[in-house]
Each structure stands twice: as C-alpha cells, then as structure tokens.
C-alpha atoms as a PDB file:
ATOM      1  CA  MET A   1    -136.223-219.081-126.254  1.00  0.00           C
ATOM      2  CA  LEU A   2    -135.340-221.389-123.320  1.00  0.00           C
ATOM      3  CA  THR A   3    -132.837-223.207-125.861  1.00  0.00           C
ATOM      4  CA  ASP A   4    -131.078-220.048-126.985  1.00  0.00           C
ATOM      5  CA  THR A   5    -131.017-218.824-123.383  1.00  0.00           C
ATOM      6  CA  LEU A   6    -129.385-221.920-121.839  1.00  0.00           C
ATOM      7  CA  ALA A   7    -126.943-222.145-124.995  1.00  0.00           C
ATOM      8  CA  MET A   8    -125.917-218.518-124.333  1.00  0.00           C
ATOM      9  CA  LEU A   9    -125.414-218.908-120.608  1.00  0.00           C
ATOM     10  CA  ARG A  10    -123.829-222.216-120.859  1.00  0.00           C
ATOM     11  CA  ASP A  11    -121.362-221.303-123.305  1.00  0.00           C
ATOM     12  CA  ASN A  12    -120.244-218.278-121.138  1.00  0.00           C
ATOM     13  CA  SER A  13    -117.827-220.077-119.072  1.00  0.00           C
ATOM     14  CA  ARG A  14    -117.086-216.955-117.043  1.00  0.00           C
ATOM     15  CA  PHE A  15    -120.783-216.628-116.211  1.00  0.00           C
ATOM     16  CA  SER A  16    -120.498-213.019-117.120  1.00  0.00           C
ATOM     17  CA  VAL A  17    -123.175-211.297-118.894  1.00  0.00           C
ATOM     18  CA  SER A  18    -123.310-207.531-119.796  1.00  0.00           C
ATOM     19  CA  PRO A  19    -126.255-205.366-119.091  1.00  0.00           C
ATOM     20  CA  ALA A  20    -127.003-205.057-122.584  1.00  0.00           C
ATOM     21  CA  GLN A  21    -127.022-208.573-123.178  1.00  0.00           C
ATOM     22  CA  GLY A  22    -129.145-209.333-120.283  1.00  0.00           C
ATOM     23  CA  ILE A  23    -131.691-206.558-121.498  1.00  0.00           C
ATOM     24  CA  MET A  24    -131.587-208.281-124.950  1.00  0.00           C
ATOM     25  CA  LEU A  25    -132.733-211.633-123.106  1.00  0.00           C
ATOM     26  CA  ILE A  26    -135.181-210.131-121.092  1.00  0.00           C
ATOM     27  CA  ASP A  27    -136.844-208.524-124.019  1.00  0.00           C
ATOM     28  CA  GLY A  28    -136.889-211.782-125.609  1.00  0.00           C
ATOM     29  CA  TRP A  29    -138.387-213.605-122.772  1.00  0.00           C
ATOM     30  CA  LEU A  30    -141.098-210.929-122.201  1.00  0.00           C
ATOM     31  CA  GLN A  31    -142.181-211.304-126.184  1.00  0.00           C
ATOM     32  CA  ALA A  32    -142.040-215.085-125.546  1.00  0.00           C
ATOM     33  CA  LEU A  33    -144.232-214.893-122.433  1.00  0.00           C
ATOM     34  CA  GLN A  34    -146.831-212.591-123.945  1.00  0.00           C
ATOM     35  CA  GLY A  35    -150.296-213.373-123.404  1.00  0.00           C
ATOM     36  CA  ASP A  36    -149.400-216.370-121.046  1.00  0.00           C
ATOM     37  CA  LEU A  37    -151.514-215.221-117.831  1.00  0.00           C
ATOM     38  CA  ASN A  38    -149.897-218.055-115.738  1.00  0.00           C
ATOM     39  CA  VAL A  39    -146.519-216.492-115.766  1.00  0.00           C
ATOM     40  CA  ASP A  40    -147.355-212.757-114.580  1.00  0.00           C
ATOM     41  CA  GLN A  41    -145.043-212.939-111.475  1.00  0.00           C
ATOM     42  CA  VAL A  42    -142.188-213.931-113.911  1.00  0.00           C
ATOM     43  CA  LYS A  43    -142.903-211.205-116.212  1.00  0.00           C
ATOM     44  CA  GLY A  44    -142.948-208.743-113.222  1.00  0.00           C
ATOM     45  CA  LEU A  45    -139.545-209.849-112.112  1.00  0.00           C
ATOM     46  CA  LEU A  46    -138.256-209.616-115.583  1.00  0.00           C
ATOM     47  CA  ASN A  47    -139.427-206.002-116.026  1.00  0.00           C
ATOM     48  CA  GLU A  48    -137.949-204.984-112.555  1.00  0.00           C
ATOM     49  CA  LEU A  49    -134.457-206.724-113.510  1.00  0.00           C
ATOM     50  CA  ARG A  50    -134.774-204.826-117.086  1.00  0.00           C
ATOM     51  CA  THR A  51    -135.249-201.529-115.270  1.00  0.00           C
ATOM     52  CA  ALA A  52    -132.458-202.245-112.767  1.00  0.00           C
ATOM     53  CA  LEU A  53    -130.105-203.107-115.377  1.00  0.00           C
ATOM     54  CA  GLN A  54    -130.815-199.954-117.404  1.00  0.00           C
ATOM     55  CA  ALA A  55    -129.990-197.836-114.240  1.00  0.00           C
ATOM     56  CA  ALA A  56    -126.963-195.467-114.596  1.00  0.00           C
ATOM     57  CA  GLN A  57    -125.438-197.101-111.578  1.00  0.00           C
ATOM     58  CA  PRO A  58    -127.019-200.634-111.173  1.00  0.00           C
ATOM     59  CA  ASP A  59    -127.536-201.852-107.682  1.00  0.00           C
ATOM     60  CA  GLU A  60    -125.674-205.160-107.764  1.00  0.00           C
ATOM     61  CA  SER A  61    -127.323-206.396-104.713  1.00  0.00           C
ATOM     62  CA  TYR A  62    -130.816-205.688-105.901  1.00  0.00           C
ATOM     63  CA  ILE A  63    -130.169-207.483-109.269  1.00  0.00           C
ATOM     64  CA  ARG A  64    -128.748-210.490-107.250  1.00  0.00           C
ATOM     65  CA  GLU A  65    -132.027-210.513-105.146  1.00  0.00           C
ATOM     66  CA  LEU A  66    -134.023-210.418-108.430  1.00  0.00           C
ATOM     67  CA  LEU A  67    -131.928-213.040-109.921  1.00  0.00           C
ATOM     68  CA  VAL A  68    -132.527-215.457-107.136  1.00  0.00           C
ATOM     69  CA  SER A  69    -136.195-214.460-107.013  1.00  0.00           C
ATOM     70  CA  LEU A  70    -136.381-215.597-110.884  1.00  0.00           C
ATOM     71  CA  ALA A  71    -134.382-218.703-110.076  1.00  0.00           C
ATOM     72  CA  ASP A  72    -137.146-219.461-107.208  1.00  0.00           C
ATOM     73  CA  LYS A  73    -140.095-218.875-109.483  1.00  0.00           C
ATOM     74  CA  THR A  74    -138.515-220.705-112.583  1.00  0.00           C
ATOM     75  CA  GLN A  75    -138.220-223.753-110.388  1.00  0.00           C
ATOM     76  CA  GLU A  76    -141.447-223.393-108.758  1.00  0.00           C
ATOM     77  CA  ILE A  77    -142.988-223.414-112.501  1.00  0.00           C
ATOM     78  CA  ALA A  78    -140.684-226.439-113.469  1.00  0.00           C
ATOM     79  CA  GLU A  79    -141.838-228.518-110.590  1.00  0.00           C
ATOM     80  CA  ASP A  80    -145.673-227.493-110.633  1.00  0.00           C
ATOM     81  CA  PRO A  81    -147.794-230.784-110.951  1.00  0.00           C
ATOM     82  CA  THR A  82    -149.326-229.430-114.205  1.00  0.00           C
ATOM     83  CA  SER A  83    -145.898-228.792-115.613  1.00  0.00           C
ATOM     84  CA  GLU A  84    -145.013-231.640-118.226  1.00  0.00           C
ATOM     85  CA  GLY A  85    -142.759-231.991-120.962  1.00  0.00           C
ATOM     86  CA  THR A  86    -138.922-231.838-122.066  1.00  0.00           C
ATOM     87  CA  TRP A  87    -138.774-228.213-121.273  1.00  0.00           C
ATOM     88  CA  THR A  88    -139.318-228.528-117.459  1.00  0.00           C
ATOM     89  CA  GLY A  89    -135.689-230.004-117.167  1.00  0.00           C
ATOM     90  CA  GLY A  90    -134.642-226.936-119.136  1.00  0.00           C
ATOM     91  CA  LEU A  91    -136.267-224.664-116.536  1.00  0.00           C
ATOM     92  CA  GLU A  92    -134.393-226.360-113.684  1.00  0.00           C
ATOM     93  CA  SER A  93    -131.170-225.715-115.561  1.00  0.00           C
ATOM     94  CA  LEU A  94    -132.082-222.275-116.082  1.00  0.00           C
ATOM     95  CA  SER A  95    -133.225-221.946-112.426  1.00  0.00           C
ATOM     96  CA  LYS A  96    -129.760-223.256-111.224  1.00  0.00           C
ATOM     97  CA  ILE A  97    -128.145-220.839-113.709  1.00  0.00           C
ATOM     98  CA  LEU A  98    -129.942-217.945-112.352  1.00  0.00           C
ATOM     99  CA  ARG A  99    -129.193-218.909-108.954  1.00  0.00           C
ATOM    100  CA  HIS A 100    -125.599-218.902-109.918  1.00  0.00           C
ATOM    101  CA  PHE A 101    -125.617-215.555-111.296  1.00  0.00           C
ATOM    102  CA  GLY A 102    -127.532-214.163-108.206  1.00  0.00           C
ATOM    103  CA  SER A 103    -125.190-215.686-105.795  1.00  0.00           C
ATOM    104  CA  ASN A 104    -121.888-214.836-107.628  1.00  0.00           C
ATOM    105  CA  SER A 105    -122.706-211.504-109.328  1.00  0.00           C
END
C-alpha cells in the first residue's frame, strides 16, 4: 500500500488528487492497517479525512489540518525507536508529501 501510494502521489506532478481518489486511497489504507492496534490514531485521522472529503462542500482548511496531522503522525511512526526496515524511509517520504498537500491545498 505504501509503495502504491507513493508512486501515485509522486507521479502526480501537480499534486492534485480528487476527493474520489483520496477516498480510494484512504479505504486501501484502512484495510491495510486493519487489526494493527499501534496505529489507532492514524486510522482515526484517516476516517475523519474520509468523512471530510465526502462532504457536499468539503472544508478545505479542515482537510489541510487533517493532512498535516497525518503527516506528523506518519513521521512520528517512521522515527519511533522500535520502527525498523526499509518502509520507514517510505513513511518519511509519505509524511513530506502529506505535509505538502496540507500546506498547498
């Protein structure tokens, strides 16, 4: 899921993702994270973001706030002393991309 997400977001030179694309990504992440109790906060933020994207008139400032919160949490997980493996670099990249979306949306 991490590799697919990074590829999609990196290939998108304009950093523009439609709400429908965002919801599909979120659904994929929620499924991938199912059963992992260590990421409950991330799942909560993803659910909030999913709800915000489904609104008739999405609140852009709230969505940006959620993206920055997800970036912070993702970076925190990647830098945790118990985190190890090649995926931590991917999480760092994802954190930077989410932060970019959150500050430039």
